[in-house]
Amino acid sequence: MTLFALVASGVAAMTANSLRATANDRASTAAQMIAQDEIEQVRALEYADIAPSSRSVAMAGTTYSVDRLVTDNDPADGMKTITVQVQWVGPLGARSYEVQTIFTAVR
């Protein structure tokens, strides 16, 4: 019985860790999808209309904070550096994901 209890407790701990890691991976994948969606929304805008923004997105029981940062004339004149930051609190604590791209004015 003691041996069974030891093995069962080890399996239970391993299962709990696996479930936490799986939930964290799902939340991370969702954050990447949200960041990509934000970049696609920026692509649909006119160059002059690209501006900083913030919003919240709820997905699968988790709330994500999405911040779009815009730096004008970086890395050169007529270009904008767009940084999308997605933050959330998951089973492993506070997490974030960031993606950055450069847009240019087409004349």
PDB file of N, CA and C in Angstrom:
ATOM      1  N   MET A   1       0.819  -1.184   0.000  1.00  0.00           N
ATOM      2  CA  MET A   1       0.000   0.000   0.000  1.00  0.00           C
ATOM      3  C   MET A   1       0.875   1.266   0.000  1.00  0.00           C
ATOM      4  N   THR A   2       1.954   1.245   0.775  1.00  0.00           N
ATOM      5  CA  THR A   2       2.836   2.407   0.841  1.00  0.00           C
ATOM      6  C   THR A   2       3.460   2.678  -0.520  1.00  0.00           C
ATOM      7  N   LEU A   3       3.909   1.634  -1.181  1.00  0.00           N
ATOM      8  CA  LEU A   3       4.496   1.782  -2.508  1.00  0.00           C
ATOM      9  C   LEU A   3       3.481   2.362  -3.487  1.00  0.00           C
ATOM     10  N   PHE A   4       2.251   1.861  -3.445  1.00  0.00           N
ATOM     11  CA  PHE A   4       1.200   2.394  -4.307  1.00  0.00           C
ATOM     12  C   PHE A   4       0.956   3.873  -4.021  1.00  0.00           C
ATOM     13  N   ALA A   5       0.918   4.258  -2.768  1.00  0.00           N
ATOM     14  CA  ALA A   5       0.687   5.658  -2.382  1.00  0.00           C
ATOM     15  C   ALA A   5       1.813   6.549  -2.911  1.00  0.00           C
ATOM     16  N   LEU A   6       3.046   6.087  -2.826  1.00  0.00           N
ATOM     17  CA  LEU A   6       4.184   6.862  -3.327  1.00  0.00           C
ATOM     18  C   LEU A   6       4.099   7.041  -4.852  1.00  0.00           C
ATOM     19  N   VAL A   7       3.814   5.967  -5.534  1.00  0.00           N
ATOM     20  CA  VAL A   7       3.709   6.038  -6.994  1.00  0.00           C
ATOM     21  C   VAL A   7       2.535   6.929  -7.399  1.00  0.00           C
ATOM     22  N   ALA A   8       1.401   6.776  -6.740  1.00  0.00           N
ATOM     23  CA  ALA A   8       0.218   7.577  -7.060  1.00  0.00           C
ATOM     24  C   ALA A   8       0.466   9.058  -6.815  1.00  0.00           C
ATOM     25  N   SER A   9       1.151   9.405  -5.742  1.00  0.00           N
ATOM     26  CA  SER A   9       1.421  10.821  -5.471  1.00  0.00           C
ATOM     27  C   SER A   9       2.389  11.391  -6.509  1.00  0.00           C
ATOM     28  N   GLY A  10       3.350  10.608  -6.947  1.00  0.00           N
ATOM     29  CA  GLY A  10       4.265  11.057  -7.998  1.00  0.00           C
ATOM     30  C   GLY A  10       3.543  11.289  -9.317  1.00  0.00           C
ATOM     31  N   VAL A  11       2.651  10.385  -9.679  1.00  0.00           N
ATOM     32  CA  VAL A  11       1.876  10.521 -10.908  1.00  0.00           C
ATOM     33  C   VAL A  11       0.954  11.732 -10.815  1.00  0.00           C
ATOM     34  N   ALA A  12       0.350  11.963  -9.652  1.00  0.00           N
ATOM     35  CA  ALA A  12      -0.542  13.114  -9.473  1.00  0.00           C
ATOM     36  C   ALA A  12       0.231  14.425  -9.618  1.00  0.00           C
ATOM     37  N   ALA A  13       1.414  14.503  -9.041  1.00  0.00           N
ATOM     38  CA  ALA A  13       2.226  15.719  -9.152  1.00  0.00           C
ATOM     39  C   ALA A  13       2.641  15.954 -10.601  1.00  0.00           C
ATOM     40  N   MET A  14       3.027  14.889 -11.291  1.00  0.00           N
ATOM     41  CA  MET A  14       3.424  15.006 -12.686  1.00  0.00           C
ATOM     42  C   MET A  14       2.234  15.448 -13.550  1.00  0.00           C
ATOM     43  N   THR A  15       1.065  14.920 -13.277  1.00  0.00           N
ATOM     44  CA  THR A  15      -0.140  15.291 -14.018  1.00  0.00           C
ATOM     45  C   THR A  15      -0.483  16.763 -13.784  1.00  0.00           C
ATOM     46  N   ALA A  16      -0.390  17.223 -12.551  1.00  0.00           N
ATOM     47  CA  ALA A  16      -0.684  18.624 -12.234  1.00  0.00           C
ATOM     48  C   ALA A  16       0.287  19.554 -12.966  1.00  0.00           C
ATOM     49  N   ASN A  17       1.563  19.219 -12.970  1.00  0.00           N
ATOM     50  CA  ASN A  17       2.552  20.036 -13.686  1.00  0.00           C
ATOM     51  C   ASN A  17       2.281  20.043 -15.190  1.00  0.00           C
ATOM     52  N   SER A  18       1.896  18.900 -15.713  1.00  0.00           N
ATOM     53  CA  SER A  18       1.592  18.806 -17.142  1.00  0.00           C
ATOM     54  C   SER A  18       0.373  19.656 -17.502  1.00  0.00           C
ATOM     55  N   LEU A  19      -0.640  19.646 -16.675  1.00  0.00           N
ATOM     56  CA  LEU A  19      -1.832  20.455 -16.927  1.00  0.00           C
ATOM     57  C   LEU A  19      -1.511  21.946 -16.870  1.00  0.00           C
ATOM     58  N   ARG A  20      -0.679  22.367 -15.919  1.00  0.00           N
ATOM     59  CA  ARG A  20      -0.270  23.775 -15.832  1.00  0.00           C
ATOM     60  C   ARG A  20       0.519  24.185 -17.071  1.00  0.00           C
ATOM     61  N   ALA A  21       1.433  23.337 -17.499  1.00  0.00           N
ATOM     62  CA  ALA A  21       2.243  23.647 -18.687  1.00  0.00           C
ATOM     63  C   ALA A  21       1.374  23.718 -19.941  1.00  0.00           C
ATOM     64  N   THR A  22       0.407  22.830 -20.053  1.00  0.00           N
ATOM     65  CA  THR A  22      -0.492  22.840 -21.204  1.00  0.00           C
ATOM     66  C   THR A  22      -1.329  24.108 -21.225  1.00  0.00           C
ATOM     67  N   ALA A  23      -1.853  24.509 -20.072  1.00  0.00           N
ATOM     68  CA  ALA A  23      -2.644  25.745 -19.989  1.00  0.00           C
ATOM     69  C   ALA A  23      -1.780  26.953 -20.331  1.00  0.00           C
ATOM     70  N   ASN A  24      -0.533  26.961 -19.873  1.00  0.00           N
ATOM     71  CA  ASN A  24       0.378  28.058 -20.191  1.00  0.00           C
ATOM     72  C   ASN A  24       0.672  28.109 -21.688  1.00  0.00           C
ATOM     73  N   ASP A  25       0.875  26.953 -22.299  1.00  0.00           N
ATOM     74  CA  ASP A  25       1.135  26.899 -23.738  1.00  0.00           C
ATOM     75  C   ASP A  25      -0.066  27.399 -24.537  1.00  0.00           C
ATOM     76  N   ARG A  26      -1.266  27.051 -24.113  1.00  0.00           N
ATOM     77  CA  ARG A  26      -2.479  27.529 -24.795  1.00  0.00           C
ATOM     78  C   ARG A  26      -2.585  29.050 -24.701  1.00  0.00           C
ATOM     79  N   ALA A  27      -2.333  29.584 -23.510  1.00  0.00           N
ATOM     80  CA  ALA A  27      -2.411  31.034 -23.321  1.00  0.00           C
ATOM     81  C   ALA A  27      -1.345  31.740 -24.158  1.00  0.00           C
ATOM     82  N   SER A  28      -0.161  31.164 -24.238  1.00  0.00           N
ATOM     83  CA  SER A  28       0.915  31.741 -25.033  1.00  0.00           C
ATOM     84  C   SER A  28       0.564  31.724 -26.520  1.00  0.00           C
ATOM     85  N   THR A  29      -0.009  30.644 -26.986  1.00  0.00           N
ATOM     86  CA  THR A  29      -0.431  30.553 -28.383  1.00  0.00           C
ATOM     87  C   THR A  29      -1.534  31.575 -28.673  1.00  0.00           C
ATOM     88  N   ALA A  30      -2.468  31.737 -27.750  1.00  0.00           N
ATOM     89  CA  ALA A  30      -3.533  32.729 -27.922  1.00  0.00           C
ATOM     90  C   ALA A  30      -2.935  34.130 -27.992  1.00  0.00           C
ATOM     91  N   ALA A  31      -1.946  34.425 -27.157  1.00  0.00           N
ATOM     92  CA  ALA A  31      -1.298  35.741 -27.178  1.00  0.00           C
ATOM     93  C   ALA A  31      -0.618  35.987 -28.520  1.00  0.00           C
ATOM     94  N   GLN A  32       0.019  34.985 -29.069  1.00  0.00           N
ATOM     95  CA  GLN A  32       0.649  35.126 -30.379  1.00  0.00           C
ATOM     96  C   GLN A  32      -0.388  35.384 -31.462  1.00  0.00           C
ATOM     97  N   MET A  33      -1.526  34.711 -31.393  1.00  0.00           N
ATOM     98  CA  MET A  33      -2.596  34.925 -32.369  1.00  0.00           C
ATOM     99  C   MET A  33      -3.161  36.342 -32.248  1.00  0.00           C
ATOM    100  N   ILE A  34      -3.322  36.825 -31.025  1.00  0.00           N
ATOM    101  CA  ILE A  34      -3.841  38.172 -30.800  1.00  0.00           C
ATOM    102  C   ILE A  34      -2.858  39.208 -31.345  1.00  0.00           C
ATOM    103  N   ALA A  35      -1.566  39.002 -31.102  1.00  0.00           N
ATOM    104  CA  ALA A  35      -0.551  39.938 -31.613  1.00  0.00           C
ATOM    105  C   ALA A  35      -0.552  39.946 -33.141  1.00  0.00           C
ATOM    106  N   GLN A  36      -0.657  38.791 -33.760  1.00  0.00           N
ATOM    107  CA  GLN A  36      -0.696  38.715 -35.220  1.00  0.00           C
ATOM    108  C   GLN A  36      -1.944  39.402 -35.764  1.00  0.00           C
ATOM    109  N   ASP A  37      -3.067  39.223 -35.085  1.00  0.00           N
ATOM    110  CA  ASP A  37      -4.301  39.886 -35.493  1.00  0.00           C
ATOM    111  C   ASP A  37      -4.151  41.408 -35.413  1.00  0.00           C
ATOM    112  N   GLU A  38      -3.485  41.885 -34.384  1.00  0.00           N
ATOM    113  CA  GLU A  38      -3.256  43.330 -34.246  1.00  0.00           C
ATOM    114  C   GLU A  38      -2.394  43.855 -35.397  1.00  0.00           C
ATOM    115  N   ILE A  39      -1.374  43.118 -35.773  1.00  0.00           N
ATOM    116  CA  ILE A  39      -0.530  43.513 -36.910  1.00  0.00           C
ATOM    117  C   ILE A  39      -1.367  43.542 -38.189  1.00  0.00           C
ATOM    118  N   GLU A  40      -2.243  42.563 -38.364  1.00  0.00           N
ATOM    119  CA  GLU A  40      -3.104  42.539 -39.555  1.00  0.00           C
ATOM    120  C   GLU A  40      -4.066  43.729 -39.566  1.00  0.00           C
ATOM    121  N   GLN A  41      -4.555  44.128 -38.393  1.00  0.00           N
ATOM    122  CA  GLN A  41      -5.415  45.307 -38.322  1.00  0.00           C
ATOM    123  C   GLN A  41      -4.638  46.564 -38.712  1.00  0.00           C
ATOM    124  N   VAL A  42      -3.380  46.650 -38.321  1.00  0.00           N
ATOM    125  CA  VAL A  42      -2.548  47.797 -38.683  1.00  0.00           C
ATOM    126  C   VAL A  42      -2.330  47.808 -40.197  1.00  0.00           C
ATOM    127  N   ARG A  43      -2.123  46.663 -40.785  1.00  0.00           N
ATOM    128  CA  ARG A  43      -1.909  46.578 -42.241  1.00  0.00           C
ATOM    129  C   ARG A  43      -3.107  47.113 -43.012  1.00  0.00           C
ATOM    130  N   ALA A  44      -4.295  47.022 -42.431  1.00  0.00           N
ATOM    131  CA  ALA A  44      -5.505  47.488 -43.105  1.00  0.00           C
ATOM    132  C   ALA A  44      -5.669  49.006 -43.024  1.00  0.00           C
ATOM    133  N   LEU A  45      -4.862  49.655 -42.188  1.00  0.00           N
ATOM    134  CA  LEU A  45      -4.969  51.108 -42.029  1.00  0.00           C
ATOM    135  C   LEU A  45      -4.146  51.853 -43.067  1.00  0.00           C
ATOM    136  N   GLU A  46      -4.556  53.088 -43.338  1.00  0.00           N
ATOM    137  CA  GLU A  46      -3.718  53.980 -44.128  1.00  0.00           C
ATOM    138  C   GLU A  46      -2.504  54.341 -43.273  1.00  0.00           C
ATOM    139  N   TYR A  47      -1.380  54.589 -43.929  1.00  0.00           N
ATOM    140  CA  TYR A  47      -0.138  54.895 -43.207  1.00  0.00           C
ATOM    141  C   TYR A  47      -0.329  56.026 -42.192  1.00  0.00           C
ATOM    142  N   ALA A  48      -1.006  57.086 -42.582  1.00  0.00           N
ATOM    143  CA  ALA A  48      -1.199  58.243 -41.696  1.00  0.00           C
ATOM    144  C   ALA A  48      -2.088  57.918 -40.496  1.00  0.00           C
ATOM    145  N   ASP A  49      -2.901  56.875 -40.605  1.00  0.00           N
ATOM    146  CA  ASP A  49      -3.826  56.512 -39.530  1.00  0.00           C
ATOM    147  C   ASP A  49      -3.230  55.548 -38.508  1.00  0.00           C
ATOM    148  N   ILE A  50      -2.017  55.092 -38.725  1.00  0.00           N
ATOM    149  CA  ILE A  50      -1.385  54.158 -37.784  1.00  0.00           C
ATOM    150  C   ILE A  50      -1.004  54.934 -36.533  1.00  0.00           C
ATOM    151  N   ALA A  51      -1.613  54.575 -35.406  1.00  0.00           N
ATOM    152  CA  ALA A  51      -1.405  55.297 -34.154  1.00  0.00           C
ATOM    153  C   ALA A  51      -1.379  54.313 -32.985  1.00  0.00           C
ATOM    154  N   PRO A  52      -0.837  54.741 -31.850  1.00  0.00           N
ATOM    155  CA  PRO A  52      -0.841  53.879 -30.669  1.00  0.00           C
ATOM    156  C   PRO A  52      -2.267  53.557 -30.221  1.00  0.00           C
ATOM    157  N   SER A  53      -2.437  52.417 -29.607  1.00  0.00           N
ATOM    158  CA  SER A  53      -3.748  52.047 -29.071  1.00  0.00           C
ATOM    159  C   SER A  53      -3.576  51.005 -27.976  1.00  0.00           C
ATOM    160  N   SER A  54      -4.639  50.846 -27.193  1.00  0.00           N
ATOM    161  CA  SER A  54      -4.690  49.820 -26.149  1.00  0.00           C
ATOM    162  C   SER A  54      -6.094  49.233 -26.134  1.00  0.00           C
ATOM    163  N   ARG A  55      -6.164  47.949 -25.850  1.00  0.00           N
ATOM    164  CA  ARG A  55      -7.458  47.283 -25.731  1.00  0.00           C
ATOM    165  C   ARG A  55      -7.285  46.003 -24.935  1.00  0.00           C
ATOM    166  N   SER A  56      -8.398  45.434 -24.533  1.00  0.00           N
ATOM    167  CA  SER A  56      -8.404  44.142 -23.848  1.00  0.00           C
ATOM    168  C   SER A  56      -9.117  43.132 -24.714  1.00  0.00           C
ATOM    169  N   VAL A  57      -8.640  41.904 -24.664  1.00  0.00           N
ATOM    170  CA  VAL A  57      -9.245  40.808 -25.422  1.00  0.00           C
ATOM    171  C   VAL A  57      -9.458  39.647 -24.461  1.00  0.00           C
ATOM    172  N   ALA A  58     -10.661  39.114 -24.424  1.00  0.00           N
ATOM    173  CA  ALA A  58     -10.955  37.931 -23.612  1.00  0.00           C
ATOM    174  C   ALA A  58     -11.007  36.726 -24.538  1.00  0.00           C
ATOM    175  N   MET A  59     -10.242  35.698 -24.184  1.00  0.00           N
ATOM    176  CA  MET A  59     -10.213  34.482 -24.995  1.00  0.00           C
ATOM    177  C   MET A  59     -10.028  33.285 -24.068  1.00  0.00           C
ATOM    178  N   ALA A  60     -10.929  32.341 -24.165  1.00  0.00           N
ATOM    179  CA  ALA A  60     -10.848  31.089 -23.407  1.00  0.00           C
ATOM    180  C   ALA A  60     -10.667  31.329 -21.911  1.00  0.00           C
ATOM    181  N   GLY A  61     -11.392  32.311 -21.372  1.00  0.00           N
ATOM    182  CA  GLY A  61     -11.346  32.555 -19.938  1.00  0.00           C
ATOM    183  C   GLY A  61     -10.167  33.377 -19.455  1.00  0.00           C
ATOM    184  N   THR A  62      -9.343  33.852 -20.359  1.00  0.00           N
ATOM    185  CA  THR A  62      -8.189  34.677 -19.991  1.00  0.00           C
ATOM    186  C   THR A  62      -8.344  36.042 -20.642  1.00  0.00           C
ATOM    187  N   THR A  63      -8.013  37.087 -19.888  1.00  0.00           N
ATOM    188  CA  THR A  63      -8.069  38.441 -20.428  1.00  0.00           C
ATOM    189  C   THR A  63      -6.658  38.891 -20.779  1.00  0.00           C
ATOM    190  N   TYR A  64      -6.502  39.339 -22.004  1.00  0.00           N
ATOM    191  CA  TYR A  64      -5.211  39.791 -22.515  1.00  0.00           C
ATOM    192  C   TYR A  64      -5.251  41.302 -22.692  1.00  0.00           C
ATOM    193  N   SER A  65      -4.192  41.971 -22.295  1.00  0.00           N
ATOM    194  CA  SER A  65      -4.039  43.406 -22.521  1.00  0.00           C
ATOM    195  C   SER A  65      -3.166  43.580 -23.753  1.00  0.00           C
ATOM    196  N   VAL A  66      -3.676  44.330 -24.750  1.00  0.00           N
ATOM    197  CA  VAL A  66      -2.972  44.499 -26.020  1.00  0.00           C
ATOM    198  C   VAL A  66      -2.617  45.973 -26.175  1.00  0.00           C
ATOM    199  N   ASP A  67      -1.335  46.265 -26.274  1.00  0.00           N
ATOM    200  CA  ASP A  67      -0.859  47.635 -26.458  1.00  0.00           C
ATOM    201  C   ASP A  67      -0.102  47.729 -27.775  1.00  0.00           C
ATOM    202  N   ARG A  68      -0.489  48.705 -28.590  1.00  0.00           N
ATOM    203  CA  ARG A  68       0.210  48.974 -29.844  1.00  0.00           C
ATOM    204  C   ARG A  68       1.008  50.262 -29.655  1.00  0.00           C
ATOM    205  N   LEU A  69       2.325  50.162 -29.780  1.00  0.00           N
ATOM    206  CA  LEU A  69       3.212  51.310 -29.667  1.00  0.00           C
ATOM    207  C   LEU A  69       3.695  51.673 -31.065  1.00  0.00           C
ATOM    208  N   VAL A  70       3.725  52.958 -31.374  1.00  0.00           N
ATOM    209  CA  VAL A  70       4.126  53.423 -32.699  1.00  0.00           C
ATOM    210  C   VAL A  70       5.221  54.464 -32.535  1.00  0.00           C
ATOM    211  N   THR A  71       6.333  54.240 -33.205  1.00  0.00           N
ATOM    212  CA  THR A  71       7.433  55.205 -33.209  1.00  0.00           C
ATOM    213  C   THR A  71       7.579  55.727 -34.632  1.00  0.00           C
ATOM    214  N   ASP A  72       7.290  57.018 -34.813  1.00  0.00           N
ATOM    215  CA  ASP A  72       7.380  57.637 -36.139  1.00  0.00           C
ATOM    216  C   ASP A  72       8.831  57.881 -36.540  1.00  0.00           C
ATOM    217  N   ASN A  73       9.059  57.833 -37.862  1.00  0.00           N
ATOM    218  CA  ASN A  73      10.377  58.098 -38.456  1.00  0.00           C
ATOM    219  C   ASN A  73      11.483  57.248 -37.833  1.00  0.00           C
ATOM    220  N   ASP A  74      11.170  55.990 -37.616  1.00  0.00           N
ATOM    221  CA  ASP A  74      12.140  55.039 -37.056  1.00  0.00           C
ATOM    222  C   ASP A  74      11.996  53.734 -37.825  1.00  0.00           C
ATOM    223  N   PRO A  75      12.995  53.210 -38.415  1.00  0.00           N
ATOM    224  CA  PRO A  75      14.419  53.528 -38.337  1.00  0.00           C
ATOM    225  C   PRO A  75      14.879  54.633 -39.279  1.00  0.00           C
ATOM    226  N   ALA A  76      13.966  55.138 -40.136  1.00  0.00           N
ATOM    227  CA  ALA A  76      14.343  56.217 -41.058  1.00  0.00           C
ATOM    228  C   ALA A  76      13.103  57.061 -41.320  1.00  0.00           C
ATOM    229  N   ASP A  77      13.310  58.204 -41.964  1.00  0.00           N
ATOM    230  CA  ASP A  77      12.179  59.064 -42.301  1.00  0.00           C
ATOM    231  C   ASP A  77      11.188  58.304 -43.181  1.00  0.00           C
ATOM    232  N   GLY A  78       9.891  58.525 -42.920  1.00  0.00           N
ATOM    233  CA  GLY A  78       8.857  57.861 -43.707  1.00  0.00           C
ATOM    234  C   GLY A  78       8.592  56.431 -43.291  1.00  0.00           C
ATOM    235  N   MET A  79       9.127  56.031 -42.135  1.00  0.00           N
ATOM    236  CA  MET A  79       8.903  54.679 -41.625  1.00  0.00           C
ATOM    237  C   MET A  79       8.367  54.757 -40.202  1.00  0.00           C
ATOM    238  N   LYS A  80       7.625  53.728 -39.809  1.00  0.00           N
ATOM    239  CA  LYS A  80       7.109  53.631 -38.447  1.00  0.00           C
ATOM    240  C   LYS A  80       7.452  52.250 -37.901  1.00  0.00           C
ATOM    241  N   THR A  81       7.965  52.230 -36.686  1.00  0.00           N
ATOM    242  CA  THR A  81       8.175  50.970 -35.994  1.00  0.00           C
ATOM    243  C   THR A  81       6.942  50.695 -35.155  1.00  0.00           C
ATOM    244  N   ILE A  82       6.331  49.553 -35.370  1.00  0.00           N
ATOM    245  CA  ILE A  82       5.129  49.149 -34.655  1.00  0.00           C
ATOM    246  C   ILE A  82       5.509  48.015 -33.708  1.00  0.00           C
ATOM    247  N   THR A  83       5.227  48.214 -32.434  1.00  0.00           N
ATOM    248  CA  THR A  83       5.467  47.182 -31.432  1.00  0.00           C
ATOM    249  C   THR A  83       4.131  46.811 -30.808  1.00  0.00           C
ATOM    250  N   VAL A  84       3.802  45.533 -30.839  1.00  0.00           N
ATOM    251  CA  VAL A  84       2.573  45.038 -30.223  1.00  0.00           C
ATOM    252  C   VAL A  84       2.973  44.207 -29.011  1.00  0.00           C
ATOM    253  N   GLN A  85       2.468  44.623 -27.850  1.00  0.00           N
ATOM    254  CA  GLN A  85       2.737  43.911 -26.599  1.00  0.00           C
ATOM    255  C   GLN A  85       1.430  43.310 -26.093  1.00  0.00           C
ATOM    256  N   VAL A  86       1.466  42.021 -25.784  1.00  0.00           N
ATOM    257  CA  VAL A  86       0.303  41.324 -25.243  1.00  0.00           C
ATOM    258  C   VAL A  86       0.699  40.783 -23.876  1.00  0.00           C
ATOM    259  N   GLN A  87      -0.082  41.150 -22.846  1.00  0.00           N
ATOM    260  CA  GLN A  87       0.205  40.694 -21.483  1.00  0.00           C
ATOM    261  C   GLN A  87      -1.010  39.977 -20.909  1.00  0.00           C
ATOM    262  N   TRP A  88      -0.752  38.990 -20.072  1.00  0.00           N
ATOM    263  CA  TRP A  88      -1.822  38.247 -19.417  1.00  0.00           C
ATOM    264  C   TRP A  88      -1.265  37.589 -18.167  1.00  0.00           C
ATOM    265  N   VAL A  89      -2.176  37.124 -17.323  1.00  0.00           N
ATOM    266  CA  VAL A  89      -1.799  36.363 -16.128  1.00  0.00           C
ATOM    267  C   VAL A  89      -2.346  34.958 -16.318  1.00  0.00           C
ATOM    268  N   GLY A  90      -1.434  34.005 -16.357  1.00  0.00           N
ATOM    269  CA  GLY A  90      -1.812  32.614 -16.571  1.00  0.00           C
ATOM    270  C   GLY A  90      -1.487  31.761 -15.369  1.00  0.00           C
ATOM    271  N   PRO A  91      -1.534  30.454 -15.541  1.00  0.00           N
ATOM    272  CA  PRO A  91      -1.280  29.536 -14.434  1.00  0.00           C
ATOM    273  C   PRO A  91       0.145  29.628 -13.883  1.00  0.00           C
ATOM    274  N   LEU A  92       1.064  30.125 -14.675  1.00  0.00           N
ATOM    275  CA  LEU A  92       2.448  30.264 -14.220  1.00  0.00           C
ATOM    276  C   LEU A  92       2.791  31.712 -13.871  1.00  0.00           C
ATOM    277  N   GLY A  93       1.758  32.566 -13.724  1.00  0.00           N
ATOM    278  CA  GLY A  93       1.985  33.955 -13.343  1.00  0.00           C
ATOM    279  C   GLY A  93       1.861  34.900 -14.530  1.00  0.00           C
ATOM    280  N   ALA A  94       2.351  36.121 -14.335  1.00  0.00           N
ATOM    281  CA  ALA A  94       2.270  37.151 -15.372  1.00  0.00           C
ATOM    282  C   ALA A  94       3.205  36.805 -16.520  1.00  0.00           C
ATOM    283  N   ARG A  95       2.681  36.942 -17.726  1.00  0.00           N
ATOM    284  CA  ARG A  95       3.443  36.639 -18.941  1.00  0.00           C
ATOM    285  C   ARG A  95       3.227  37.742 -19.959  1.00  0.00           C
ATOM    286  N   SER A  96       4.102  37.802 -20.958  1.00  0.00           N
ATOM    287  CA  SER A  96       3.935  38.774 -22.033  1.00  0.00           C
ATOM    288  C   SER A  96       4.535  38.222 -23.312  1.00  0.00           C
ATOM    289  N   TYR A  97       4.056  38.774 -24.416  1.00  0.00           N
ATOM    290  CA  TYR A  97       4.542  38.419 -25.741  1.00  0.00           C
ATOM    291  C   TYR A  97       4.637  39.725 -26.517  1.00  0.00           C
ATOM    292  N   GLU A  98       5.690  39.873 -27.300  1.00  0.00           N
ATOM    293  CA  GLU A  98       5.898  41.108 -28.050  1.00  0.00           C
ATOM    294  C   GLU A  98       6.328  40.782 -29.472  1.00  0.00           C
ATOM    295  N   VAL A  99       5.787  41.545 -30.414  1.00  0.00           N
ATOM    296  CA  VAL A  99       6.183  41.417 -31.811  1.00  0.00           C
ATOM    297  C   VAL A  99       6.394  42.830 -32.347  1.00  0.00           C
ATOM    298  N   GLN A 100       7.361  42.949 -33.225  1.00  0.00           N
ATOM    299  CA  GLN A 100       7.707  44.267 -33.756  1.00  0.00           C
ATOM    300  C   GLN A 100       7.868  44.180 -35.269  1.00  0.00           C
ATOM    301  N   THR A 101       7.422  45.221 -35.959  1.00  0.00           N
ATOM    302  CA  THR A 101       7.558  45.282 -37.405  1.00  0.00           C
ATOM    303  C   THR A 101       7.732  46.736 -37.828  1.00  0.00           C
ATOM    304  N   ILE A 102       8.074  46.937 -39.087  1.00  0.00           N
ATOM    305  CA  ILE A 102       8.288  48.273 -39.618  1.00  0.00           C
ATOM    306  C   ILE A 102       7.358  48.475 -40.807  1.00  0.00           C
ATOM    307  N   PHE A 103       6.677  49.617 -40.826  1.00  0.00           N
ATOM    308  CA  PHE A 103       5.819  50.007 -41.937  1.00  0.00           C
ATOM    309  C   PHE A 103       6.421  51.235 -42.601  1.00  0.00           C
ATOM    310  N   THR A 104       6.180  51.349 -43.888  1.00  0.00           N
ATOM    311  CA  THR A 104       6.669  52.509 -44.623  1.00  0.00           C
ATOM    312  C   THR A 104       5.538  53.088 -45.469  1.00  0.00           C
ATOM    313  N   ALA A 105       5.635  54.369 -45.716  1.00  0.00           N
ATOM    314  CA  ALA A 105       4.649  55.035 -46.561  1.00  0.00           C
ATOM    315  C   ALA A 105       4.958  54.728 -48.011  1.00  0.00           C
ATOM    316  N   VAL A 106       3.963  54.270 -48.747  1.00  0.00           N
ATOM    317  CA  VAL A 106       4.133  53.991 -50.171  1.00  0.00           C
ATOM    318  C   VAL A 106       3.635  55.229 -50.920  1.00  0.00           C
ATOM    319  N   ARG A 107       4.462  55.737 -51.796  1.00  0.00           N
ATOM    320  CA  ARG A 107       4.083  56.955 -52.524  1.00  0.00           C
ATOM    321  C   ARG A 107       3.907  56.651 -53.983  1.00  0.00           C
TER     322      ARG A 107
END
